[in-house]
C-alpha atoms as a PDB file:
ATOM      1  CA  MET A   1     -19.271   9.062   2.783  1.00  0.00           C
ATOM      2  CA  LEU A   2     -17.435   6.692   5.095  1.00  0.00           C
ATOM      3  CA  GLU A   3     -13.953   5.726   3.893  1.00  0.00           C
ATOM      4  CA  LEU A   4     -12.444   2.334   4.681  1.00  0.00           C
ATOM      5  CA  TYR A   5      -8.677   2.032   4.349  1.00  0.00           C
ATOM      6  CA  GLN A   6      -8.243  -1.640   3.748  1.00  0.00           C
ATOM      7  CA  PHE A   7      -6.529  -4.669   2.231  1.00  0.00           C
ATOM      8  CA  GLU A   8      -9.032  -6.642   0.154  1.00  0.00           C
ATOM      9  CA  PHE A   9      -8.266 -10.155   1.387  1.00  0.00           C
ATOM     10  CA  SER A  10      -7.734  -9.234   5.041  1.00  0.00           C
ATOM     11  CA  PRO A  11     -10.390 -10.999   7.158  1.00  0.00           C
ATOM     12  CA  TYR A  12     -10.350  -8.072   9.595  1.00  0.00           C
ATOM     13  CA  CYS A  13     -11.129  -5.653   6.772  1.00  0.00           C
ATOM     14  CA  GLU A  14     -13.804  -8.054   5.544  1.00  0.00           C
ATOM     15  CA  LYS A  15     -15.295  -8.057   9.032  1.00  0.00           C
ATOM     16  CA  VAL A  16     -15.774  -4.283   8.792  1.00  0.00           C
ATOM     17  CA  ARG A  17     -17.155  -4.496   5.245  1.00  0.00           C
ATOM     18  CA  LEU A  18     -19.655  -7.122   6.365  1.00  0.00           C
ATOM     19  CA  ILE A  19     -20.780  -4.916   9.263  1.00  0.00           C
ATOM     20  CA  LEU A  20     -21.094  -1.887   6.978  1.00  0.00           C
ATOM     21  CA  ASP A  21     -23.185  -3.852   4.487  1.00  0.00           C
ATOM     22  CA  TYR A  22     -25.333  -5.345   7.244  1.00  0.00           C
ATOM     23  CA  LYS A  23     -26.082  -1.843   8.507  1.00  0.00           C
ATOM     24  CA  GLY A  24     -26.708  -0.584   4.981  1.00  0.00           C
ATOM     25  CA  LEU A  25     -24.075   2.154   5.186  1.00  0.00           C
ATOM     26  CA  ASP A  26     -22.485   3.778   2.139  1.00  0.00           C
ATOM     27  CA  TYR A  27     -18.696   3.569   2.114  1.00  0.00           C
ATOM     28  CA  GLN A  28     -15.731   3.846  -0.193  1.00  0.00           C
ATOM     29  CA  LYS A  29     -12.931   1.316  -0.138  1.00  0.00           C
ATOM     30  CA  ILE A  30      -9.421   2.746  -0.275  1.00  0.00           C
ATOM     31  CA  GLU A  31      -6.963  -0.047  -1.017  1.00  0.00           C
ATOM     32  CA  VAL A  32      -3.643   0.279   0.748  1.00  0.00           C
ATOM     33  CA  THR A  33      -0.572  -1.105  -0.976  1.00  0.00           C
ATOM     34  CA  PRO A  34       1.587  -2.833   1.644  1.00  0.00           C
ATOM     35  CA  GLY A  35       5.048  -1.417   2.132  1.00  0.00           C
ATOM     36  CA  VAL A  36       7.757  -0.716   4.643  1.00  0.00           C
ATOM     37  CA  GLY A  37       6.942   2.745   5.901  1.00  0.00           C
ATOM     38  CA  GLN A  38       3.145   2.636   6.324  1.00  0.00           C
ATOM     39  CA  VAL A  39       3.526   6.406   6.085  1.00  0.00           C
ATOM     40  CA  GLU A  40       0.027   7.405   5.002  1.00  0.00           C
ATOM     41  CA  ILE A  41      -1.851   5.149   7.424  1.00  0.00           C
ATOM     42  CA  TYR A  42       0.394   6.292  10.261  1.00  0.00           C
ATOM     43  CA  ARG A  43      -0.219   9.903   9.293  1.00  0.00           C
ATOM     44  CA  ILE A  44      -3.961   9.358   9.275  1.00  0.00           C
ATOM     45  CA  SER A  45      -4.389   7.182  12.357  1.00  0.00           C
ATOM     46  CA  GLY A  46      -1.176   7.254  14.399  1.00  0.00           C
ATOM     47  CA  GLN A  47      -0.611   3.526  13.856  1.00  0.00           C
ATOM     48  CA  LYS A  48       0.173   1.202  10.936  1.00  0.00           C
ATOM     49  CA  GLN A  49      -2.453  -1.553  10.990  1.00  0.00           C
ATOM     50  CA  LEU A  50      -5.543  -2.013   8.827  1.00  0.00           C
ATOM     51  CA  PRO A  51      -8.475  -1.545   8.746  1.00  0.00           C
ATOM     52  CA  VAL A  52      -8.893   2.154   9.424  1.00  0.00           C
ATOM     53  CA  LEU A  53     -12.263   3.899   9.123  1.00  0.00           C
ATOM     54  CA  LYS A  54     -12.615   7.606   8.356  1.00  0.00           C
ATOM     55  CA  ASP A  55     -15.996   9.132   9.175  1.00  0.00           C
ATOM     56  CA  GLY A  56     -15.725  12.832   8.506  1.00  0.00           C
ATOM     57  CA  SER A  57     -13.120  14.082  10.965  1.00  0.00           C
ATOM     58  CA  THR A  58     -13.311  10.904  13.063  1.00  0.00           C
ATOM     59  CA  ILE A  59     -10.618   8.264  12.527  1.00  0.00           C
ATOM     60  CA  VAL A  60     -11.016   4.798  14.040  1.00  0.00           C
ATOM     61  CA  ALA A  61      -8.445   1.989  13.807  1.00  0.00           C
ATOM     62  CA  ASP A  62      -8.836  -1.725  14.664  1.00  0.00           C
ATOM     63  CA  SER A  63     -11.775  -3.843  13.500  1.00  0.00           C
ATOM     64  CA  THR A  64     -13.245  -4.233  17.000  1.00  0.00           C
ATOM     65  CA  GLU A  65     -13.070  -0.512  17.741  1.00  0.00           C
ATOM     66  CA  ILE A  66     -14.612   0.210  14.343  1.00  0.00           C
ATOM     67  CA  ALA A  67     -17.447  -2.246  15.051  1.00  0.00           C
ATOM     68  CA  LEU A  68     -18.188  -0.623  18.413  1.00  0.00           C
ATOM     69  CA  TYR A  69     -17.996   2.848  16.900  1.00  0.00           C
ATOM     70  CA  LEU A  70     -20.402   1.951  14.092  1.00  0.00           C
ATOM     71  CA  ASP A  71     -22.895   0.490  16.541  1.00  0.00           C
ATOM     72  CA  ARG A  72     -22.814   3.664  18.650  1.00  0.00           C
ATOM     73  CA  LYS A  73     -22.900   6.129  15.756  1.00  0.00           C
ATOM     74  CA  TYR A  74     -25.331   4.178  13.556  1.00  0.00           C
ATOM     75  CA  PRO A  75     -27.579   2.241  15.968  1.00  0.00           C
ATOM     76  CA  GLU A  76     -30.049   1.068  13.349  1.00  0.00           C
ATOM     77  CA  LYS A  77     -29.717  -2.703  12.897  1.00  0.00           C
ATOM     78  CA  PRO A  78     -27.586  -3.154  16.035  1.00  0.00           C
ATOM     79  CA  ILE A  79     -24.860  -5.781  16.097  1.00  0.00           C
ATOM     80  CA  LEU A  80     -24.584  -5.947  19.892  1.00  0.00           C
ATOM     81  CA  PRO A  81     -27.383  -7.447  22.009  1.00  0.00           C
ATOM     82  CA  SER A  82     -29.131  -5.113  24.433  1.00  0.00           C
ATOM     83  CA  ASP A  83     -29.158  -7.731  27.206  1.00  0.00           C
ATOM     84  CA  PRO A  84     -25.909  -7.277  29.197  1.00  0.00           C
ATOM     85  CA  VAL A  85     -25.203 -11.013  29.542  1.00  0.00           C
ATOM     86  CA  ALA A  86     -25.793 -11.653  25.842  1.00  0.00           C
ATOM     87  CA  ARG A  87     -23.692  -8.600  25.011  1.00  0.00           C
ATOM     88  CA  SER A  88     -20.802  -9.958  27.076  1.00  0.00           C
ATOM     89  CA  GLN A  89     -21.119 -13.374  25.427  1.00  0.00           C
ATOM     90  CA  CYS A  90     -21.123 -11.703  22.024  1.00  0.00           C
ATOM     91  CA  LEU A  91     -17.932  -9.781  22.775  1.00  0.00           C
ATOM     92  CA  ILE A  92     -16.254 -12.950  24.091  1.00  0.00           C
ATOM     93  CA  TRP A  93     -17.110 -14.735  20.823  1.00  0.00           C
ATOM     94  CA  GLU A  94     -15.820 -11.775  18.831  1.00  0.00           C
ATOM     95  CA  GLU A  95     -12.542 -11.685  20.728  1.00  0.00           C
ATOM     96  CA  TRP A  96     -12.170 -15.473  20.359  1.00  0.00           C
ATOM     97  CA  ALA A  97     -12.623 -15.230  16.592  1.00  0.00           C
ATOM     98  CA  ASP A  98     -10.201 -12.304  16.273  1.00  0.00           C
ATOM     99  CA  SER A  99      -7.512 -14.098  18.242  1.00  0.00           C
ATOM    100  CA  THR A 100      -7.921 -17.865  18.594  1.00  0.00           C
ATOM    101  CA  LEU A 101      -9.740 -18.613  15.340  1.00  0.00           C
ATOM    102  CA  ALA A 102      -7.401 -16.323  13.404  1.00  0.00           C
ATOM    103  CA  LYS A 103      -4.345 -17.914  15.023  1.00  0.00           C
ATOM    104  CA  LYS A 104      -5.528 -21.464  14.333  1.00  0.00           C
ATOM    105  CA  SER A 105      -6.220 -20.534  10.713  1.00  0.00           C
ATOM    106  CA  ARG A 106      -2.891 -18.826  10.064  1.00  0.00           C
ATOM    107  CA  LEU A 107      -0.553 -21.727   9.308  1.00  0.00           C
ATOM    108  CA  PRO A 108      -3.054 -23.769   7.265  1.00  0.00           C
ATOM    109  CA  ILE A 109      -3.876 -20.688   5.171  1.00  0.00           C
ATOM    110  CA  LEU A 110      -0.211 -19.784   4.659  1.00  0.00           C
ATOM    111  CA  ASP A 111       0.547 -23.363   3.660  1.00  0.00           C
ATOM    112  CA  TYR A 112      -2.318 -23.177   1.153  1.00  0.00           C
ATOM    113  CA  ILE A 113      -1.075 -19.850  -0.216  1.00  0.00           C
ATOM    114  CA  LYS A 114       2.495 -20.981  -0.772  1.00  0.00           C
ATOM    115  CA  SER A 115       1.345 -24.022  -2.733  1.00  0.00           C
ATOM    116  CA  ASP A 116      -1.185 -22.162  -4.914  1.00  0.00           C
ATOM    117  CA  ALA A 117       0.166 -19.545  -7.335  1.00  0.00           C
ATOM    118  CA  GLY A 118      -3.323 -18.213  -8.076  1.00  0.00           C
ATOM    119  CA  MET A 119      -3.903 -17.623  -4.407  1.00  0.00           C
ATOM    120  CA  ARG A 120      -0.686 -15.617  -4.144  1.00  0.00           C
ATOM    121  CA  SER A 121      -1.934 -13.258  -6.864  1.00  0.00           C
ATOM    122  CA  ALA A 122      -5.304 -12.929  -5.133  1.00  0.00           C
ATOM    123  CA  LEU A 123      -3.596 -11.602  -2.020  1.00  0.00           C
ATOM    124  CA  LEU A 124      -1.953  -8.753  -3.891  1.00  0.00           C
ATOM    125  CA  PRO A 125      -3.775  -5.418  -4.177  1.00  0.00           C
ATOM    126  CA  SER A 126      -5.668  -5.095  -7.459  1.00  0.00           C
ATOM    127  CA  GLN A 127      -3.415  -2.234  -8.613  1.00  0.00           C
ATOM    128  CA  THR A 128      -0.235  -4.349  -8.290  1.00  0.00           C
ATOM    129  CA  PRO A 129       1.660  -4.280 -11.613  1.00  0.00           C
ATOM    130  CA  ASP A 130       1.246  -7.419 -13.730  1.00  0.00           C
ATOM    131  CA  VAL A 131       5.012  -7.921 -13.818  1.00  0.00           C
ATOM    132  CA  VAL A 132       5.043  -8.312 -10.025  1.00  0.00           C
ATOM    133  CA  LYS A 133       2.159 -10.784 -10.123  1.00  0.00           C
ATOM    134  CA  THR A 134       3.904 -12.794 -12.853  1.00  0.00           C
ATOM    135  CA  LEU A 135       7.138 -12.874 -10.869  1.00  0.00           C
ATOM    136  CA  LEU A 136       5.367 -14.005  -7.707  1.00  0.00           C
ATOM    137  CA  ASN A 137       3.472 -16.745  -9.541  1.00  0.00           C
ATOM    138  CA  SER A 138       6.659 -18.037 -11.168  1.00  0.00           C
ATOM    139  CA  LEU A 139       8.405 -18.666  -7.856  1.00  0.00           C
ATOM    140  CA  PRO A 140       8.470 -22.317  -6.762  1.00  0.00           C
ATOM    141  CA  SER A 141       6.455 -23.150  -3.677  1.00  0.00           C
ATOM    142  CA  GLU A 142       9.647 -24.083  -1.814  1.00  0.00           C
ATOM    143  CA  VAL A 143      10.581 -20.395  -1.675  1.00  0.00           C
ATOM    144  CA  PHE A 144       7.500 -19.772   0.455  1.00  0.00           C
ATOM    145  CA  GLU A 145       8.670 -22.281   3.058  1.00  0.00           C
ATOM    146  CA  PHE A 146      10.789 -19.366   4.301  1.00  0.00           C
ATOM    147  CA  LEU A 147       8.030 -16.776   4.063  1.00  0.00           C
ATOM    148  CA  GLY A 148       4.965 -16.450   6.242  1.00  0.00           C
ATOM    149  CA  SER A 149       5.057 -19.966   7.649  1.00  0.00           C
ATOM    150  CA  GLY A 150       8.493 -19.232   9.005  1.00  0.00           C
ATOM    151  CA  ILE A 151      11.869 -20.889   8.711  1.00  0.00           C
ATOM    152  CA  GLY A 152      11.934 -24.355  10.177  1.00  0.00           C
ATOM    153  CA  ILE A 153       8.192 -24.992  10.188  1.00  0.00           C
ATOM    154  CA  SER A 154       7.966 -28.708   9.533  1.00  0.00           C
ATOM    155  CA  LYS A 155       5.246 -30.697   7.831  1.00  0.00           C
ATOM    156  CA  GLU A 156       4.402 -32.153  11.240  1.00  0.00           C
ATOM    157  CA  VAL A 157       3.733 -28.667  12.603  1.00  0.00           C
ATOM    158  CA  ILE A 158       1.531 -27.857   9.594  1.00  0.00           C
ATOM    159  CA  SER A 159      -0.302 -31.155  10.066  1.00  0.00           C
ATOM    160  CA  LYS A 160      -0.950 -30.367  13.728  1.00  0.00           C
ATOM    161  CA  ALA A 161      -2.168 -26.883  12.792  1.00  0.00           C
ATOM    162  CA  ASN A 162      -4.588 -28.408  10.290  1.00  0.00           C
ATOM    163  CA  LYS A 163      -5.891 -30.782  12.961  1.00  0.00           C
ATOM    164  CA  ASN A 164      -6.404 -27.910  15.409  1.00  0.00           C
ATOM    165  CA  LEU A 165      -8.339 -25.984  12.783  1.00  0.00           C
ATOM    166  CA  ARG A 166     -10.440 -29.052  11.985  1.00  0.00           C
ATOM    167  CA  ASP A 167     -11.266 -29.480  15.680  1.00  0.00           C
ATOM    168  CA  THR A 168     -12.364 -25.840  15.854  1.00  0.00           C
ATOM    169  CA  LEU A 169     -14.581 -26.200  12.782  1.00  0.00           C
ATOM    170  CA  ASP A 170     -16.033 -29.400  14.249  1.00  0.00           C
ATOM    171  CA  ASN A 171     -17.065 -27.485  17.362  1.00  0.00           C
ATOM    172  CA  LEU A 172     -18.576 -24.621  15.373  1.00  0.00           C
ATOM    173  CA  ASN A 173     -20.348 -27.121  13.151  1.00  0.00           C
ATOM    174  CA  THR A 174     -21.902 -28.841  16.175  1.00  0.00           C
ATOM    175  CA  ILE A 175     -23.041 -25.588  17.792  1.00  0.00           C
ATOM    176  CA  LEU A 176     -24.734 -24.446  14.597  1.00  0.00           C
ATOM    177  CA  VAL A 177     -26.639 -27.710  14.190  1.00  0.00           C
ATOM    178  CA  TYR A 178     -28.652 -26.774  17.276  1.00  0.00           C
ATOM    179  CA  LYS A 179     -28.950 -22.991  16.979  1.00  0.00           C
ATOM    180  CA  PRO A 180     -28.973 -20.520  14.087  1.00  0.00           C
ATOM    181  CA  TYR A 181     -26.912 -17.860  15.869  1.00  0.00           C
ATOM    182  CA  LEU A 182     -23.901 -17.989  18.154  1.00  0.00           C
ATOM    183  CA  VAL A 183     -25.495 -15.686  20.718  1.00  0.00           C
ATOM    184  CA  GLY A 184     -29.192 -15.237  21.428  1.00  0.00           C
ATOM    185  CA  ASP A 185     -31.902 -15.442  18.803  1.00  0.00           C
ATOM    186  CA  SER A 186     -30.685 -12.883  16.272  1.00  0.00           C
ATOM    187  CA  LEU A 187     -27.603 -12.047  14.250  1.00  0.00           C
ATOM    188  CA  SER A 188     -24.855 -10.277  16.171  1.00  0.00           C
ATOM    189  CA  LEU A 189     -21.246  -9.161  15.962  1.00  0.00           C
ATOM    190  CA  ALA A 190     -20.271 -12.691  17.012  1.00  0.00           C
ATOM    191  CA  ASP A 191     -21.765 -14.198  13.845  1.00  0.00           C
ATOM    192  CA  LEU A 192     -20.414 -11.487  11.560  1.00  0.00           C
ATOM    193  CA  THR A 193     -16.904 -11.826  12.981  1.00  0.00           C
ATOM    194  CA  VAL A 194     -16.758 -15.622  12.734  1.00  0.00           C
ATOM    195  CA  ALA A 195     -18.133 -15.437   9.180  1.00  0.00           C
ATOM    196  CA  ALA A 196     -15.550 -12.873   8.072  1.00  0.00           C
ATOM    197  CA  LEU A 197     -12.601 -14.532   9.816  1.00  0.00           C
ATOM    198  CA  THR A 198     -13.121 -17.718   7.786  1.00  0.00           C
ATOM    199  CA  ILE A 199     -12.775 -16.253   4.271  1.00  0.00           C
ATOM    200  CA  GLY A 200      -9.195 -17.537   4.079  1.00  0.00           C
ATOM    201  CA  ILE A 201     -10.259 -21.047   5.035  1.00  0.00           C
ATOM    202  CA  LYS A 202     -12.841 -20.994   2.256  1.00  0.00           C
ATOM    203  CA  SER A 203     -13.892 -17.922   0.322  1.00  0.00           C
ATOM    204  CA  PRO A 204     -17.638 -17.366  -0.084  1.00  0.00           C
ATOM    205  CA  PRO A 205     -19.043 -18.406  -3.475  1.00  0.00           C
ATOM    206  CA  GLY A 206     -20.657 -15.100  -4.442  1.00  0.00           C
ATOM    207  CA  ASP A 207     -19.151 -11.979  -5.972  1.00  0.00           C
ATOM    208  CA  TYR A 208     -18.172 -10.383  -2.678  1.00  0.00           C
ATOM    209  CA  LEU A 209     -14.382 -10.202  -2.791  1.00  0.00           C
ATOM    210  CA  ASP A 210     -12.287  -8.550  -5.473  1.00  0.00           C
ATOM    211  CA  ILE A 211     -10.312 -11.702  -6.257  1.00  0.00           C
ATOM    212  CA  PRO A 212     -10.025 -13.819  -9.431  1.00  0.00           C
ATOM    213  CA  ALA A 213     -13.248 -15.713 -10.174  1.00  0.00           C
ATOM    214  CA  GLN A 214     -11.466 -19.084 -10.158  1.00  0.00           C
ATOM    215  CA  LEU A 215     -10.558 -18.588  -6.497  1.00  0.00           C
ATOM    216  CA  LYS A 216     -14.105 -17.972  -5.298  1.00  0.00           C
ATOM    217  CA  ASN A 217     -15.652 -20.726  -3.206  1.00  0.00           C
ATOM    218  CA  ARG A 218     -12.207 -22.301  -2.881  1.00  0.00           C
ATOM    219  CA  GLY A 219     -10.031 -22.756   0.143  1.00  0.00           C
ATOM    220  CA  ILE A 220      -7.673 -24.997   2.064  1.00  0.00           C
ATOM    221  CA  PRO A 221      -7.638 -28.417   0.343  1.00  0.00           C
ATOM    222  CA  GLY A 222      -8.971 -31.149   2.593  1.00  0.00           C
ATOM    223  CA  ILE A 223     -10.847 -28.668   4.768  1.00  0.00           C
ATOM    224  CA  ALA A 224     -12.791 -26.374   2.445  1.00  0.00           C
ATOM    225  CA  ASP A 225     -14.025 -29.374   0.463  1.00  0.00           C
ATOM    226  CA  ASP A 226     -14.661 -31.676   3.435  1.00  0.00           C
ATOM    227  CA  PRO A 227     -18.406 -32.451   3.757  1.00  0.00           C
ATOM    228  CA  THR A 228     -17.914 -32.698   7.526  1.00  0.00           C
ATOM    229  CA  TYR A 229     -17.998 -28.898   7.675  1.00  0.00           C
ATOM    230  CA  GLU A 230     -20.827 -28.440   5.191  1.00  0.00           C
ATOM    231  CA  ASN A 231     -23.222 -27.183   7.871  1.00  0.00           C
ATOM    232  CA  PHE A 232     -20.803 -24.510   9.050  1.00  0.00           C
ATOM    233  CA  PHE A 233     -20.005 -23.186   5.584  1.00  0.00           C
ATOM    234  CA  ARG A 234     -23.687 -23.272   4.617  1.00  0.00           C
ATOM    235  CA  TRP A 235     -24.392 -21.120   7.704  1.00  0.00           C
ATOM    236  CA  ARG A 236     -21.533 -18.762   6.828  1.00  0.00           C
ATOM    237  CA  ASP A 237     -22.576 -18.475   3.174  1.00  0.00           C
ATOM    238  CA  GLN A 238     -26.178 -17.767   4.170  1.00  0.00           C
ATOM    239  CA  ILE A 239     -24.972 -14.770   6.186  1.00  0.00           C
ATOM    240  CA  TYR A 240     -23.214 -13.521   3.067  1.00  0.00           C
ATOM    241  CA  LEU A 241     -26.249 -14.146   0.901  1.00  0.00           C
ATOM    242  CA  ASN A 242     -28.509 -12.281   3.323  1.00  0.00           C
ATOM    243  CA  TYR A 243     -26.335  -9.341   4.301  1.00  0.00           C
ATOM    244  CA  ARG A 244     -23.176  -8.877   2.215  1.00  0.00           C
ATOM    245  CA  LYS A 245     -23.667  -6.741  -0.880  1.00  0.00           C
ATOM    246  CA  PRO A 246     -22.115  -8.224  -4.054  1.00  0.00           C
ATOM    247  CA  LEU A 247     -19.510  -6.081  -5.772  1.00  0.00           C
ATOM    248  CA  THR A 248     -21.833  -5.397  -8.699  1.00  0.00           C
ATOM    249  CA  THR A 249     -24.531  -3.914  -6.449  1.00  0.00           C
ATOM    250  CA  SER A 250     -22.498  -2.965  -3.407  1.00  0.00           C
ATOM    251  CA  ARG A 251     -22.901   0.287  -1.551  1.00  0.00           C
ATOM    252  CA  ALA A 252     -19.124   0.288  -1.541  1.00  0.00           C
ATOM    253  CA  SER A 253     -17.089   1.571  -4.461  1.00  0.00           C
ATOM    254  CA  THR A 254     -16.508  -1.320  -6.872  1.00  0.00           C
ATOM    255  CA  SER A 255     -13.360   0.366  -8.168  1.00  0.00           C
ATOM    256  CA  PRO A 256     -11.579   1.324  -4.953  1.00  0.00           C
ATOM    257  CA  SER A 257      -9.280   4.254  -4.706  1.00  0.00           C
ATOM    258  CA  SER A 258      -5.769   3.422  -3.636  1.00  0.00           C
ATOM    259  CA  ILE A 259      -2.887   4.895  -1.744  1.00  0.00           C
ATOM    260  CA  GLU A 260       0.716   3.826  -1.872  1.00  0.00           C
ATOM    261  CA  ILE A 261       2.617   3.077   1.311  1.00  0.00           C
ATOM    262  CA  GLU A 262       6.351   3.548   0.887  1.00  0.00           C
END
């Protein structure tokens, strides 16, 4: 069985899970506890980033490389168009989502996390001791001004970041009014990547992510609940409804193994 070394709330790991489910492939999730050394992941893959896919003796790191590998090794239900122009457009969309969309989402999501204790817990691996979760939830939000968002990040900078993200969602919303897919006339890696990269902006409503139930279908206040973006999130959630396996029926292990990173 395929093994996916992952972090549950990472959008890049979710991108791979969505591809695996779309292709109908069996896989086991192996949750990686973040730490300083990244010893085990480095030993396995020669680098420290997640996700990492293990397919027998083959090890593949990086969500894009994993996507390309899966499409070569398991060509049923392809995620890349056969037409070379459409394929290039698809890969441009995928790279844009991995970089630009992720970057524009980062500060608004971190600002949301620091102000929402429940969200902080959701980001921790499921095997994190309760005492650690309780400690993290008890910290005042001001502490998180110095974490993630960075020291000196002003409210004006956060406000600008929120506007940039809104502009991006506006553009996606407009595109998807006129066409059901980002490239061509069928689902592709472009759609799957954009869908997965937005789980931090607003998590999908179904039982897809191993996070507390009260956090599902929630997201950045003022964006996730803004009817302006209803068309985009309806499109995204339809992809999940059609192709992502719920935890209760998933081909993936619903009780992931774990490894500690020291």
